[in-house]
């Protein structure tokens, strides 16, 4: 079943991003993923919570592939890079909609 990898990032600066992007983009592809949202302008319609600095939405063919990306040893330094660059990140893997199961 298709799964989605959703990241919400809150940051005050993007100095870390070039290194992160150069490593993470090939890893997403290596694990069968593709970007559906990468940053971009967002517009709040409802809710109390402030919008993050950026949203990232990846699509993977299954949960195993999404977890394979996140747990890839080559990705571990990128997680640390984000965390040491004062980037607050929420990440989740979300099951896609299965019309047959509804």
PDB file of N, CA and C in Angstrom:
ATOM      1  N   UNK A   1       0.840  -1.170   0.000  1.00  0.00           N
ATOM      2  CA  UNK A   1       0.000   0.000   0.000  1.00  0.00           C
ATOM      3  C   UNK A   1       0.894   1.245   0.000  1.00  0.00           C
ATOM      4  N   UNK A   2       0.553   2.208  -0.791  1.00  0.00           N
ATOM      5  CA  UNK A   2       1.272   3.469  -0.839  1.00  0.00           C
ATOM      6  C   UNK A   2       1.235   4.144   0.525  1.00  0.00           C
ATOM      7  N   UNK A   3       2.387   4.689   0.932  1.00  0.00           N
ATOM      8  CA  UNK A   3       2.444   5.458   2.167  1.00  0.00           C
ATOM      9  C   UNK A   3       3.063   6.819   1.866  1.00  0.00           C
ATOM     10  N   UNK A   4       2.759   7.745   2.746  1.00  0.00           N
ATOM     11  CA  UNK A   4       3.252   9.109   2.604  1.00  0.00           C
ATOM     12  C   UNK A   4       4.110   9.448   3.811  1.00  0.00           C
ATOM     13  N   UNK A   5       5.179  10.129   3.547  1.00  0.00           N
ATOM     14  CA  UNK A   5       6.139  10.560   4.554  1.00  0.00           C
ATOM     15  C   UNK A   5       5.984  12.069   4.648  1.00  0.00           C
ATOM     16  N   UNK A   6       5.448  12.537   5.762  1.00  0.00           N
ATOM     17  CA  UNK A   6       5.153  13.954   5.933  1.00  0.00           C
ATOM     18  C   UNK A   6       6.122  14.565   6.925  1.00  0.00           C
ATOM     19  N   UNK A   7       6.761  15.637   6.514  1.00  0.00           N
ATOM     20  CA  UNK A   7       7.643  16.380   7.397  1.00  0.00           C
ATOM     21  C   UNK A   7       7.168  17.820   7.504  1.00  0.00           C
ATOM     22  N   UNK A   8       7.190  18.342   8.721  1.00  0.00           N
ATOM     23  CA  UNK A   8       6.906  19.750   8.967  1.00  0.00           C
ATOM     24  C   UNK A   8       8.144  20.330   9.627  1.00  0.00           C
ATOM     25  N   UNK A   9       8.705  21.357   9.013  1.00  0.00           N
ATOM     26  CA  UNK A   9       9.948  21.942   9.490  1.00  0.00           C
ATOM     27  C   UNK A   9       9.739  23.374   9.944  1.00  0.00           C
ATOM     28  N   UNK A  10      10.328  23.688  11.071  1.00  0.00           N
ATOM     29  CA  UNK A  10      10.328  25.057  11.570  1.00  0.00           C
ATOM     30  C   UNK A  10      11.782  25.464  11.739  1.00  0.00           C
ATOM     31  N   UNK A  11      12.217  26.463  10.989  1.00  0.00           N
ATOM     32  CA  UNK A  11      13.607  26.890  11.030  1.00  0.00           C
ATOM     33  C   UNK A  11      13.708  28.397  10.872  1.00  0.00           C
ATOM     34  N   UNK A  12      14.807  28.932  11.374  1.00  0.00           N
ATOM     35  CA  UNK A  12      15.067  30.363  11.239  1.00  0.00           C
ATOM     36  C   UNK A  12      16.079  30.637  10.134  1.00  0.00           C
ATOM     37  N   UNK A  13      16.691  29.575   9.603  1.00  0.00           N
ATOM     38  CA  UNK A  13      17.681  29.752   8.552  1.00  0.00           C
ATOM     39  C   UNK A  13      17.853  28.486   7.740  1.00  0.00           C
ATOM     40  N   UNK A  14      18.340  28.639   6.528  1.00  0.00           N
ATOM     41  CA  UNK A  14      18.436  27.511   5.603  1.00  0.00           C
ATOM     42  C   UNK A  14      19.877  27.180   5.208  1.00  0.00           C
ATOM     43  N   UNK A  15      20.857  27.619   6.006  1.00  0.00           N
ATOM     44  CA  UNK A  15      22.257  27.355   5.689  1.00  0.00           C
ATOM     45  C   UNK A  15      22.598  25.867   5.608  1.00  0.00           C
ATOM     46  N   UNK A  16      21.898  25.049   6.308  1.00  0.00           N
ATOM     47  CA  UNK A  16      22.114  23.601   6.357  1.00  0.00           C
ATOM     48  C   UNK A  16      21.533  22.882   5.142  1.00  0.00           C
ATOM     49  N   UNK A  17      20.623  23.533   4.424  1.00  0.00           N
ATOM     50  CA  UNK A  17      19.772  22.835   3.458  1.00  0.00           C
ATOM     51  C   UNK A  17      20.502  22.294   2.235  1.00  0.00           C
ATOM     52  N   UNK A  18      21.495  22.992   1.716  1.00  0.00           N
ATOM     53  CA  UNK A  18      22.173  22.521   0.495  1.00  0.00           C
ATOM     54  C   UNK A  18      22.803  21.148   0.718  1.00  0.00           C
ATOM     55  N   UNK A  19      23.517  20.983   1.824  1.00  0.00           N
ATOM     56  CA  UNK A  19      24.116  19.679   2.126  1.00  0.00           C
ATOM     57  C   UNK A  19      23.031  18.623   2.322  1.00  0.00           C
ATOM     58  N   UNK A  20      21.988  18.987   3.043  1.00  0.00           N
ATOM     59  CA  UNK A  20      20.882  18.066   3.304  1.00  0.00           C
ATOM     60  C   UNK A  20      20.238  17.604   1.993  1.00  0.00           C
ATOM     61  N   UNK A  21      19.939  18.554   1.132  1.00  0.00           N
ATOM     62  CA  UNK A  21      19.280  18.265  -0.145  1.00  0.00           C
ATOM     63  C   UNK A  21      20.139  17.359  -1.018  1.00  0.00           C
ATOM     64  N   UNK A  22      21.438  17.660  -1.104  1.00  0.00           N
ATOM     65  CA  UNK A  22      22.331  16.885  -1.967  1.00  0.00           C
ATOM     66  C   UNK A  22      22.450  15.434  -1.540  1.00  0.00           C
ATOM     67  N   UNK A  23      22.245  15.158  -0.276  1.00  0.00           N
ATOM     68  CA  UNK A  23      22.301  13.778   0.222  1.00  0.00           C
ATOM     69  C   UNK A  23      20.927  13.123   0.225  1.00  0.00           C
ATOM     70  N   UNK A  24      19.917  13.841   0.689  1.00  0.00           N
ATOM     71  CA  UNK A  24      18.609  13.211   0.892  1.00  0.00           C
ATOM     72  C   UNK A  24      17.856  12.933  -0.408  1.00  0.00           C
ATOM     73  N   UNK A  25      17.951  13.806  -1.386  1.00  0.00           N
ATOM     74  CA  UNK A  25      17.190  13.585  -2.627  1.00  0.00           C
ATOM     75  C   UNK A  25      17.550  12.270  -3.324  1.00  0.00           C
ATOM     76  N   UNK A  26      18.842  11.933  -3.494  1.00  0.00           N
ATOM     77  CA  UNK A  26      19.155  10.630  -4.083  1.00  0.00           C
ATOM     78  C   UNK A  26      18.700   9.453  -3.215  1.00  0.00           C
ATOM     79  N   UNK A  27      18.709   9.628  -1.895  1.00  0.00           N
ATOM     80  CA  UNK A  27      18.266   8.545  -1.010  1.00  0.00           C
ATOM     81  C   UNK A  27      16.770   8.304  -1.125  1.00  0.00           C
ATOM     82  N   UNK A  28      15.996   9.364  -1.280  1.00  0.00           N
ATOM     83  CA  UNK A  28      14.557   9.204  -1.497  1.00  0.00           C
ATOM     84  C   UNK A  28      14.331   8.349  -2.734  1.00  0.00           C
ATOM     85  N   UNK A  29      15.020   8.694  -3.800  1.00  0.00           N
ATOM     86  CA  UNK A  29      14.886   7.952  -5.063  1.00  0.00           C
ATOM     87  C   UNK A  29      15.361   6.500  -4.907  1.00  0.00           C
ATOM     88  N   UNK A  30      16.476   6.310  -4.205  1.00  0.00           N
ATOM     89  CA  UNK A  30      17.034   4.963  -3.977  1.00  0.00           C
ATOM     90  C   UNK A  30      16.000   4.035  -3.326  1.00  0.00           C
ATOM     91  N   UNK A  31      15.163   4.593  -2.460  1.00  0.00           N
ATOM     92  CA  UNK A  31      14.183   3.787  -1.739  1.00  0.00           C
ATOM     93  C   UNK A  31      12.798   3.816  -2.389  1.00  0.00           C
ATOM     94  N   UNK A  32      12.748   4.258  -3.637  1.00  0.00           N
ATOM     95  CA  UNK A  32      11.498   4.202  -4.393  1.00  0.00           C
ATOM     96  C   UNK A  32      10.545   5.345  -4.121  1.00  0.00           C
ATOM     97  N   UNK A  33      11.036   6.395  -3.480  1.00  0.00           N
ATOM     98  CA  UNK A  33      10.173   7.522  -3.141  1.00  0.00           C
ATOM     99  C   UNK A  33      10.219   8.625  -4.168  1.00  0.00           C
ATOM    100  N   UNK A  34       9.242   9.508  -4.060  1.00  0.00           N
ATOM    101  CA  UNK A  34       9.243  10.705  -4.900  1.00  0.00           C
ATOM    102  C   UNK A  34       8.645  11.855  -4.107  1.00  0.00           C
ATOM    103  N   UNK A  35       9.102  13.051  -4.439  1.00  0.00           N
ATOM    104  CA  UNK A  35       8.614  14.255  -3.777  1.00  0.00           C
ATOM    105  C   UNK A  35       7.279  14.673  -4.375  1.00  0.00           C
ATOM    106  N   UNK A  36       6.315  14.954  -3.514  1.00  0.00           N
ATOM    107  CA  UNK A  36       5.044  15.536  -3.932  1.00  0.00           C
ATOM    108  C   UNK A  36       4.983  17.001  -3.509  1.00  0.00           C
ATOM    109  N   UNK A  37       5.585  17.300  -2.364  1.00  0.00           N
ATOM    110  CA  UNK A  37       5.695  18.679  -1.874  1.00  0.00           C
ATOM    111  C   UNK A  37       7.109  18.838  -1.325  1.00  0.00           C
ATOM    112  N   UNK A  38       7.748  19.929  -1.698  1.00  0.00           N
ATOM    113  CA  UNK A  38       9.076  20.245  -1.169  1.00  0.00           C
ATOM    114  C   UNK A  38       9.116  21.750  -0.928  1.00  0.00           C
ATOM    115  N   UNK A  39       8.737  22.145   0.289  1.00  0.00           N
ATOM    116  CA  UNK A  39       8.689  23.569   0.594  1.00  0.00           C
ATOM    117  C   UNK A  39       7.470  24.188  -0.053  1.00  0.00           C
ATOM    118  N   UNK A  40       7.693  25.243  -0.785  1.00  0.00           N
ATOM    119  CA  UNK A  40       6.590  25.905  -1.467  1.00  0.00           C
ATOM    120  C   UNK A  40       5.791  26.792  -0.535  1.00  0.00           C
ATOM    121  N   UNK A  41       5.028  27.648  -1.119  1.00  0.00           N
ATOM    122  CA  UNK A  41       4.206  28.589  -0.376  1.00  0.00           C
ATOM    123  C   UNK A  41       2.978  27.869   0.183  1.00  0.00           C
ATOM    124  N   UNK A  42       2.636  28.169   1.422  1.00  0.00           N
ATOM    125  CA  UNK A  42       1.436  27.574   2.004  1.00  0.00           C
ATOM    126  C   UNK A  42       0.525  28.686   2.514  1.00  0.00           C
ATOM    127  N   UNK A  43      -0.751  28.385   2.560  1.00  0.00           N
ATOM    128  CA  UNK A  43      -1.761  29.361   2.967  1.00  0.00           C
ATOM    129  C   UNK A  43      -2.664  28.723   4.018  1.00  0.00           C
ATOM    130  N   UNK A  44      -2.723  29.329   5.161  1.00  0.00           N
ATOM    131  CA  UNK A  44      -3.538  28.799   6.249  1.00  0.00           C
ATOM    132  C   UNK A  44      -5.014  29.107   6.002  1.00  0.00           C
ATOM    133  N   UNK A  45      -5.843  28.101   6.147  1.00  0.00           N
ATOM    134  CA  UNK A  45      -7.282  28.266   5.991  1.00  0.00           C
ATOM    135  C   UNK A  45      -8.034  28.157   7.312  1.00  0.00           C
ATOM    136  N   UNK A  46      -7.525  27.295   8.221  1.00  0.00           N
ATOM    137  CA  UNK A  46      -8.177  27.100   9.512  1.00  0.00           C
ATOM    138  C   UNK A  46      -7.134  26.738  10.553  1.00  0.00           C
ATOM    139  N   UNK A  47      -7.526  26.861  11.817  1.00  0.00           N
ATOM    140  CA  UNK A  47      -6.707  26.369  12.916  1.00  0.00           C
ATOM    141  C   UNK A  47      -5.966  27.444  13.670  1.00  0.00           C
ATOM    142  N   UNK A  48      -5.500  27.040  14.842  1.00  0.00           N
ATOM    143  CA  UNK A  48      -4.808  27.953  15.755  1.00  0.00           C
ATOM    144  C   UNK A  48      -3.293  27.894  15.590  1.00  0.00           C
ATOM    145  N   UNK A  49      -2.787  26.735  15.231  1.00  0.00           N
ATOM    146  CA  UNK A  49      -1.343  26.520  15.167  1.00  0.00           C
ATOM    147  C   UNK A  49      -0.735  27.277  13.998  1.00  0.00           C
ATOM    148  N   UNK A  50       0.442  27.858  14.221  1.00  0.00           N
ATOM    149  CA  UNK A  50       1.155  28.559  13.148  1.00  0.00           C
ATOM    150  C   UNK A  50       1.650  27.550  12.113  1.00  0.00           C
ATOM    151  N   UNK A  51       1.671  27.963  10.864  1.00  0.00           N
ATOM    152  CA  UNK A  51       2.206  27.104   9.820  1.00  0.00           C
ATOM    153  C   UNK A  51       3.716  26.933  10.004  1.00  0.00           C
ATOM    154  N   UNK A  52       4.237  25.758   9.650  1.00  0.00           N
ATOM    155  CA  UNK A  52       5.689  25.567   9.715  1.00  0.00           C
ATOM    156  C   UNK A  52       6.383  26.377   8.617  1.00  0.00           C
ATOM    157  N   UNK A  53       7.703  26.444   8.699  1.00  0.00           N
ATOM    158  CA  UNK A  53       8.486  27.112   7.658  1.00  0.00           C
ATOM    159  C   UNK A  53       8.349  26.383   6.327  1.00  0.00           C
ATOM    160  N   UNK A  54       8.216  25.050   6.408  1.00  0.00           N
ATOM    161  CA  UNK A  54       8.097  24.253   5.182  1.00  0.00           C
ATOM    162  C   UNK A  54       7.422  22.921   5.476  1.00  0.00           C
ATOM    163  N   UNK A  55       6.714  22.437   4.480  1.00  0.00           N
ATOM    164  CA  UNK A  55       6.173  21.080   4.474  1.00  0.00           C
ATOM    165  C   UNK A  55       6.962  20.273   3.454  1.00  0.00           C
ATOM    166  N   UNK A  56       7.127  18.989   3.736  1.00  0.00           N
ATOM    167  CA  UNK A  56       7.701  18.056   2.768  1.00  0.00           C
ATOM    168  C   UNK A  56       6.779  16.843   2.749  1.00  0.00           C
ATOM    169  N   UNK A  57       6.386  16.422   1.552  1.00  0.00           N
ATOM    170  CA  UNK A  57       5.543  15.241   1.417  1.00  0.00           C
ATOM    171  C   UNK A  57       6.179  14.330   0.378  1.00  0.00           C
ATOM    172  N   UNK A  58       6.515  13.114   0.821  1.00  0.00           N
ATOM    173  CA  UNK A  58       7.099  12.105  -0.053  1.00  0.00           C
ATOM    174  C   UNK A  58       6.114  10.964  -0.200  1.00  0.00           C
ATOM    175  N   UNK A  59       6.132  10.339  -1.354  1.00  0.00           N
ATOM    176  CA  UNK A  59       5.312   9.155  -1.587  1.00  0.00           C
ATOM    177  C   UNK A  59       6.239   7.965  -1.761  1.00  0.00           C
ATOM    178  N   UNK A  60       5.939   6.878  -1.048  1.00  0.00           N
ATOM    179  CA  UNK A  60       6.695   5.634  -1.159  1.00  0.00           C
ATOM    180  C   UNK A  60       5.732   4.500  -1.504  1.00  0.00           C
ATOM    181  N   UNK A  61       6.225   3.464  -2.163  1.00  0.00           N
ATOM    182  CA  UNK A  61       5.331   2.366  -2.548  1.00  0.00           C
ATOM    183  C   UNK A  61       4.765   1.591  -1.359  1.00  0.00           C
ATOM    184  N   UNK A  62       5.485   1.610  -0.227  1.00  0.00           N
ATOM    185  CA  UNK A  62       5.027   0.878   0.956  1.00  0.00           C
ATOM    186  C   UNK A  62       5.776   1.387   2.188  1.00  0.00           C
ATOM    187  N   UNK A  63       5.322   0.954   3.352  1.00  0.00           N
ATOM    188  CA  UNK A  63       5.928   1.400   4.610  1.00  0.00           C
ATOM    189  C   UNK A  63       7.385   0.961   4.722  1.00  0.00           C
ATOM    190  N   UNK A  64       7.671  -0.240   4.270  1.00  0.00           N
ATOM    191  CA  UNK A  64       9.043  -0.744   4.336  1.00  0.00           C
ATOM    192  C   UNK A  64      10.007   0.183   3.590  1.00  0.00           C
ATOM    193  N   UNK A  65       9.603   0.676   2.428  1.00  0.00           N
ATOM    194  CA  UNK A  65      10.448   1.584   1.650  1.00  0.00           C
ATOM    195  C   UNK A  65      10.635   2.918   2.373  1.00  0.00           C
ATOM    196  N   UNK A  66       9.559   3.442   2.952  1.00  0.00           N
ATOM    197  CA  UNK A  66       9.648   4.709   3.684  1.00  0.00           C
ATOM    198  C   UNK A  66      10.562   4.572   4.894  1.00  0.00           C
ATOM    199  N   UNK A  67      10.406   3.486   5.625  1.00  0.00           N
ATOM    200  CA  UNK A  67      11.272   3.257   6.787  1.00  0.00           C
ATOM    201  C   UNK A  67      12.706   2.985   6.338  1.00  0.00           C
ATOM    202  N   UNK A  68      12.866   2.326   5.194  1.00  0.00           N
ATOM    203  CA  UNK A  68      14.203   2.087   4.651  1.00  0.00           C
ATOM    204  C   UNK A  68      14.935   3.392   4.372  1.00  0.00           C
ATOM    205  N   UNK A  69      14.201   4.372   3.823  1.00  0.00           N
ATOM    206  CA  UNK A  69      14.784   5.694   3.600  1.00  0.00           C
ATOM    207  C   UNK A  69      15.186   6.327   4.929  1.00  0.00           C
ATOM    208  N   UNK A  70      14.245   6.403   5.865  1.00  0.00           N
ATOM    209  CA  UNK A  70      14.502   7.099   7.124  1.00  0.00           C
ATOM    210  C   UNK A  70      15.621   6.425   7.921  1.00  0.00           C
ATOM    211  N   UNK A  71      15.703   5.108   7.864  1.00  0.00           N
ATOM    212  CA  UNK A  71      16.698   4.361   8.640  1.00  0.00           C
ATOM    213  C   UNK A  71      17.983   4.074   7.876  1.00  0.00           C
ATOM    214  N   UNK A  72      18.096   4.557   6.648  1.00  0.00           N
ATOM    215  CA  UNK A  72      19.305   4.349   5.855  1.00  0.00           C
ATOM    216  C   UNK A  72      20.499   4.986   6.574  1.00  0.00           C
ATOM    217  N   UNK A  73      21.588   4.241   6.748  1.00  0.00           N
ATOM    218  CA  UNK A  73      22.763   4.797   7.426  1.00  0.00           C
ATOM    219  C   UNK A  73      23.305   6.068   6.760  1.00  0.00           C
ATOM    220  N   UNK A  74      23.090   6.220   5.458  1.00  0.00           N
ATOM    221  CA  UNK A  74      23.534   7.429   4.767  1.00  0.00           C
ATOM    222  C   UNK A  74      22.660   8.643   5.137  1.00  0.00           C
ATOM    223  N   UNK A  75      21.452   8.389   5.609  1.00  0.00           N
ATOM    224  CA  UNK A  75      20.546   9.472   5.981  1.00  0.00           C
ATOM    225  C   UNK A  75      20.771   9.939   7.423  1.00  0.00           C
ATOM    226  N   UNK A  76      21.308   9.080   8.269  1.00  0.00           N
ATOM    227  CA  UNK A  76      21.511   9.412   9.686  1.00  0.00           C
ATOM    228  C   UNK A  76      22.259  10.738   9.885  1.00  0.00           C
ATOM    229  N   UNK A  77      23.331  11.018   9.127  1.00  0.00           N
ATOM    230  CA  UNK A  77      23.999  12.314   9.314  1.00  0.00           C
ATOM    231  C   UNK A  77      23.117  13.506   8.938  1.00  0.00           C
ATOM    232  N   UNK A  78      22.140  13.298   8.057  1.00  0.00           N
ATOM    233  CA  UNK A  78      21.244  14.389   7.667  1.00  0.00           C
ATOM    234  C   UNK A  78      20.241  14.692   8.777  1.00  0.00           C
ATOM    235  N   UNK A  79      19.819  13.658   9.486  1.00  0.00           N
ATOM    236  CA  UNK A  79      18.955  13.870  10.652  1.00  0.00           C
ATOM    237  C   UNK A  79      19.720  14.689  11.681  1.00  0.00           C
ATOM    238  N   UNK A  80      20.966  14.295  11.929  1.00  0.00           N
ATOM    239  CA  UNK A  80      21.796  15.022  12.893  1.00  0.00           C
ATOM    240  C   UNK A  80      22.046  16.454  12.423  1.00  0.00           C
ATOM    241  N   UNK A  81      22.278  16.646  11.129  1.00  0.00           N
ATOM    242  CA  UNK A  81      22.487  17.984  10.585  1.00  0.00           C
ATOM    243  C   UNK A  81      21.278  18.875  10.864  1.00  0.00           C
ATOM    244  N   UNK A  82      20.087  18.358  10.595  1.00  0.00           N
ATOM    245  CA  UNK A  82      18.865  19.133  10.892  1.00  0.00           C
ATOM    246  C   UNK A  82      18.797  19.496  12.362  1.00  0.00           C
ATOM    247  N   UNK A  83      19.005  18.498  13.201  1.00  0.00           N
ATOM    248  CA  UNK A  83      18.849  18.696  14.641  1.00  0.00           C
ATOM    249  C   UNK A  83      19.882  19.673  15.197  1.00  0.00           C
ATOM    250  N   UNK A  84      21.088  19.653  14.671  1.00  0.00           N
ATOM    251  CA  UNK A  84      22.130  20.555  15.163  1.00  0.00           C
ATOM    252  C   UNK A  84      22.072  21.919  14.477  1.00  0.00           C
ATOM    253  N   UNK A  85      21.187  22.075  13.510  1.00  0.00           N
ATOM    254  CA  UNK A  85      21.012  23.356  12.827  1.00  0.00           C
ATOM    255  C   UNK A  85      19.781  24.085  13.354  1.00  0.00           C
ATOM    256  N   UNK A  86      19.300  23.669  14.501  1.00  0.00           N
ATOM    257  CA  UNK A  86      18.149  24.296  15.159  1.00  0.00           C
ATOM    258  C   UNK A  86      16.891  24.245  14.293  1.00  0.00           C
ATOM    259  N   UNK A  87      16.693  23.093  13.654  1.00  0.00           N
ATOM    260  CA  UNK A  87      15.488  22.871  12.855  1.00  0.00           C
ATOM    261  C   UNK A  87      14.572  21.966  13.675  1.00  0.00           C
ATOM    262  N   UNK A  88      13.404  22.462  13.998  1.00  0.00           N
ATOM    263  CA  UNK A  88      12.415  21.636  14.696  1.00  0.00           C
ATOM    264  C   UNK A  88      11.599  20.914  13.630  1.00  0.00           C
ATOM    265  N   UNK A  89      11.567  19.597  13.743  1.00  0.00           N
ATOM    266  CA  UNK A  89      10.932  18.795  12.704  1.00  0.00           C
ATOM    267  C   UNK A  89       9.970  17.792  13.312  1.00  0.00           C
ATOM    268  N   UNK A  90       8.787  17.697  12.725  1.00  0.00           N
ATOM    269  CA  UNK A  90       7.847  16.618  13.019  1.00  0.00           C
ATOM    270  C   UNK A  90       7.761  15.769  11.757  1.00  0.00           C
ATOM    271  N   UNK A  91       7.892  14.456  11.920  1.00  0.00           N
ATOM    272  CA  UNK A  91       7.876  13.540  10.778  1.00  0.00           C
ATOM    273  C   UNK A  91       6.909  12.403  11.082  1.00  0.00           C
ATOM    274  N   UNK A  92       6.136  12.008  10.074  1.00  0.00           N
ATOM    275  CA  UNK A  92       5.209  10.889  10.235  1.00  0.00           C
ATOM    276  C   UNK A  92       5.118  10.102   8.935  1.00  0.00           C
ATOM    277  N   UNK A  93       4.845   8.821   9.064  1.00  0.00           N
ATOM    278  CA  UNK A  93       4.513   7.971   7.919  1.00  0.00           C
ATOM    279  C   UNK A  93       3.010   7.724   8.005  1.00  0.00           C
ATOM    280  N   UNK A  94       2.322   7.961   6.893  1.00  0.00           N
ATOM    281  CA  UNK A  94       0.864   7.892   6.882  1.00  0.00           C
ATOM    282  C   UNK A  94       0.419   6.939   5.769  1.00  0.00           C
ATOM    283  N   UNK A  95      -0.445   6.001   6.102  1.00  0.00           N
ATOM    284  CA  UNK A  95      -0.984   5.092   5.089  1.00  0.00           C
ATOM    285  C   UNK A  95      -1.798   5.869   4.067  1.00  0.00           C
ATOM    286  N   UNK A  96      -1.640   5.483   2.808  1.00  0.00           N
ATOM    287  CA  UNK A  96      -2.468   6.057   1.753  1.00  0.00           C
ATOM    288  C   UNK A  96      -3.880   5.501   1.833  1.00  0.00           C
ATOM    289  N   UNK A  97      -4.750   6.116   1.106  1.00  0.00           N
ATOM    290  CA  UNK A  97      -6.152   5.712   1.075  1.00  0.00           C
ATOM    291  C   UNK A  97      -6.307   4.489   0.176  1.00  0.00           C
ATOM    292  N   UNK A  98      -6.912   3.454   0.684  1.00  0.00           N
ATOM    293  CA  UNK A  98      -7.165   2.244  -0.078  1.00  0.00           C
ATOM    294  C   UNK A  98      -8.666   2.177  -0.336  1.00  0.00           C
ATOM    295  N   UNK A  99      -9.077   2.553  -1.524  1.00  0.00           N
ATOM    296  CA  UNK A  99     -10.491   2.609  -1.875  1.00  0.00           C
ATOM    297  C   UNK A  99     -11.174   1.254  -1.723  1.00  0.00           C
ATOM    298  N   UNK A 100     -10.437   0.178  -1.990  1.00  0.00           N
ATOM    299  CA  UNK A 100     -10.997  -1.171  -1.885  1.00  0.00           C
ATOM    300  C   UNK A 100     -11.350  -1.528  -0.450  1.00  0.00           C
ATOM    301  N   UNK A 101     -10.597  -0.980   0.518  1.00  0.00           N
ATOM    302  CA  UNK A 101     -10.816  -1.321   1.927  1.00  0.00           C
ATOM    303  C   UNK A 101     -11.896  -0.444   2.561  1.00  0.00           C
ATOM    304  N   UNK A 102     -12.312   0.600   1.881  1.00  0.00           N
ATOM    305  CA  UNK A 102     -13.289   1.525   2.468  1.00  0.00           C
ATOM    306  C   UNK A 102     -14.697   0.977   2.438  1.00  0.00           C
TER     307      UNK A 102
END
